[in-house]
Every structure is written in structure tokens, then in C-alpha cells.
Amino acid sequence: MSLQKACAAADIPASGALRVLLEGVPVAVVRDSEGGLHAIGDTCTHADVSLAEGEVDDCSIECWLHGSRFDLRTGRPTSLPAIRPVPVYSLTLDGDDVLVDVTTTINAGDTAAKES
């Protein structure tokens, strides 16, 4: 695992996202409606635009351009027009530091970290 600092947890808006670039990989670090943190690929698989600019609702993010929604835990699209998932990356909190590993993707159930 190759964790690197993406941002400070305090930098992520409530129920919103922050775009970061890690090793040349665009990542959306997202705070869901319940305060959980997620790291997903920041590029919509339908229109090649930043997902971090979209709206977060519960545990999904909506692409601002055409309305595709993606589950933050699995990366799977939950509404059209997107049909391919976005990658989900391992996220760890170290104090206020948000650490993300973009070298491998992970499965559902391991993607959210709650702030303590």
C-alpha cells in the first residue's frame, strides 16, 4: 500500500468533494451526507469531467454535466448515462490528514472512513 497525503479533512466541505491530483491521478475526496470520507476517481466515465464539482447526496455523487450518479462505496453508476464505474481508492485518516492510495482499487465495504 502506498498511502500519500491528499488533503486535510477540514478542507473537505460538508456533504461535498475536493479534487486532488496524486501521482498524476485525479481523485475526488468526498464527504458523504453522514460524514464518511471516500476517495474515488475524479473523472466521470461518461463525459470526462470532474466529479468533485457535482453534488453529493447520501452516499453518491452526481456528475454536474449530464446527471450520472456514482455510488461512493463501489464506484458503480446508479443512473444513466454513465455505464462504467469509477475507481474507488483506499482512504485512511491520520489525525486530520487524509491519506489515499491510488496504486490499487478496493472493493465495496472498505472504502469509507468515519471521522473520529
Protein backbone atom coordinates (compact mmCIF):
# COMPACT_ATOMS: atom_id res chain seq x y z
CA MET A 1 0.00 0.00 0.00
CA SER A 2 1.31 3.42 -0.96
CA LEU A 3 -0.59 5.98 1.08
CA GLN A 4 0.06 9.65 0.45
CA LYS A 5 -1.44 12.82 1.87
CA ALA A 6 -4.32 14.04 -0.26
CA CYS A 7 -5.54 16.91 1.92
CA ALA A 8 -6.66 17.82 5.41
CA ALA A 9 -10.07 16.51 6.46
CA ALA A 10 -11.02 20.07 7.37
CA ASP A 11 -10.56 21.06 3.69
CA ILE A 12 -13.41 18.80 2.51
CA PRO A 13 -16.79 20.55 2.55
CA ALA A 14 -19.71 19.10 4.48
CA SER A 15 -21.50 16.75 2.07
CA GLY A 16 -19.19 17.75 -0.75
CA ALA A 17 -15.96 16.95 -2.58
CA LEU A 18 -12.44 18.21 -3.14
CA ARG A 19 -10.38 17.45 -6.26
CA VAL A 20 -6.74 16.47 -5.71
CA LEU A 21 -4.04 15.12 -8.01
CA LEU A 22 -1.97 12.21 -6.66
CA GLU A 23 0.81 10.72 -8.80
CA GLY A 24 -0.91 12.25 -11.82
CA VAL A 25 -4.24 10.61 -10.91
CA PRO A 26 -7.25 12.93 -10.44
CA VAL A 27 -9.07 11.94 -7.23
CA ALA A 28 -12.27 13.25 -5.66
CA VAL A 29 -12.07 13.12 -1.87
CA VAL A 30 -15.72 13.16 -0.82
CA ARG A 31 -17.56 13.66 2.46
CA ASP A 32 -20.94 11.91 2.29
CA SER A 33 -24.13 13.09 3.99
CA GLU A 34 -23.28 11.13 7.15
CA GLY A 35 -19.72 12.47 7.41
CA GLY A 36 -17.95 9.43 5.94
CA LEU A 37 -14.94 10.06 3.72
CA HIS A 38 -14.37 8.39 0.36
CA ALA A 39 -11.76 8.59 -2.41
CA ILE A 40 -12.89 7.90 -5.97
CA GLY A 41 -11.59 8.62 -9.45
CA ASP A 42 -12.48 12.22 -10.21
CA THR A 43 -13.34 11.72 -13.88
CA CYS A 44 -16.89 10.83 -14.94
CA THR A 45 -16.79 7.75 -17.14
CA HIS A 46 -19.46 9.19 -19.43
CA ALA A 47 -18.29 12.73 -20.15
CA ASP A 48 -14.69 13.07 -18.90
CA VAL A 49 -15.46 15.91 -16.46
CA SER A 50 -14.63 16.38 -12.77
CA LEU A 51 -16.99 14.63 -10.37
CA ALA A 52 -15.75 16.80 -7.49
CA GLU A 53 -17.79 19.64 -8.97
CA GLY A 54 -21.00 17.62 -8.62
CA GLU A 55 -23.48 17.32 -5.79
CA VAL A 56 -23.22 14.74 -3.02
CA ASP A 57 -26.41 13.11 -1.77
CA ASP A 58 -26.32 10.38 0.87
CA CYS A 59 -23.55 8.06 -0.37
CA SER A 60 -23.46 9.08 -4.04
CA ILE A 61 -22.11 11.87 -6.19
CA GLU A 62 -23.80 13.30 -9.26
CA CYS A 63 -21.89 14.45 -12.32
CA TRP A 64 -22.75 18.09 -12.92
CA LEU A 65 -22.81 17.80 -16.71
CA HIS A 66 -25.30 15.03 -17.57
CA GLY A 67 -26.53 13.78 -14.18
CA SER A 68 -24.81 10.39 -13.93
CA ARG A 69 -24.66 9.27 -10.29
CA PHE A 70 -21.96 7.07 -8.75
CA ASP A 71 -22.02 5.09 -5.50
CA LEU A 72 -19.13 6.33 -3.34
CA ARG A 73 -18.55 2.87 -1.83
CA THR A 74 -18.38 0.87 -5.05
CA GLY A 75 -17.81 3.41 -7.81
CA ARG A 76 -20.69 1.86 -9.76
CA PRO A 77 -23.00 4.16 -11.68
CA THR A 78 -26.51 4.26 -10.24
CA SER A 79 -28.07 6.32 -13.04
CA LEU A 80 -27.52 6.85 -16.73
CA PRO A 81 -25.92 7.98 -18.94
CA ALA A 82 -22.73 6.53 -17.34
CA ILE A 83 -22.47 2.75 -17.56
CA ARG A 84 -18.87 2.18 -16.39
CA PRO A 85 -17.75 2.54 -12.75
CA VAL A 86 -15.13 4.95 -11.45
CA PRO A 87 -12.23 3.57 -9.38
CA VAL A 88 -12.50 3.60 -5.59
CA TYR A 89 -9.28 4.05 -3.61
CA SER A 90 -8.23 3.18 -0.08
CA LEU A 91 -8.58 6.14 2.30
CA THR A 92 -7.15 6.43 5.82
CA LEU A 93 -7.33 9.24 8.36
CA ASP A 94 -4.16 10.08 10.30
CA GLY A 95 -5.24 12.83 12.66
CA ASP A 96 -6.59 15.49 10.27
CA ASP A 97 -4.56 14.17 7.32
CA VAL A 98 -6.49 12.29 4.62
CA LEU A 99 -4.22 9.61 3.12
CA VAL A 100 -5.13 7.91 -0.16
CA ASP A 101 -3.56 5.00 -2.07
CA VAL A 102 -4.05 5.40 -5.83
CA THR A 103 -1.92 2.38 -6.73
CA THR A 104 -4.77 -0.12 -6.27
CA THR A 105 -8.54 0.00 -6.24
CA ILE A 106 -10.60 -1.62 -3.49
CA ASN A 107 -13.95 -3.39 -3.11
CA ALA A 108 -17.12 -2.09 -1.53
CA GLY A 109 -17.22 -2.15 2.24
CA ASP A 110 -13.64 -0.99 2.66
CA THR A 111 -14.00 2.46 1.14
CA ALA A 112 -15.41 4.74 3.83
CA ALA A 113 -13.62 6.12 6.86
CA LYS A 114 -15.58 7.89 9.56
CA GLU A 115 -14.03 10.86 11.31
CA SER A 116 -13.49 10.23 14.98
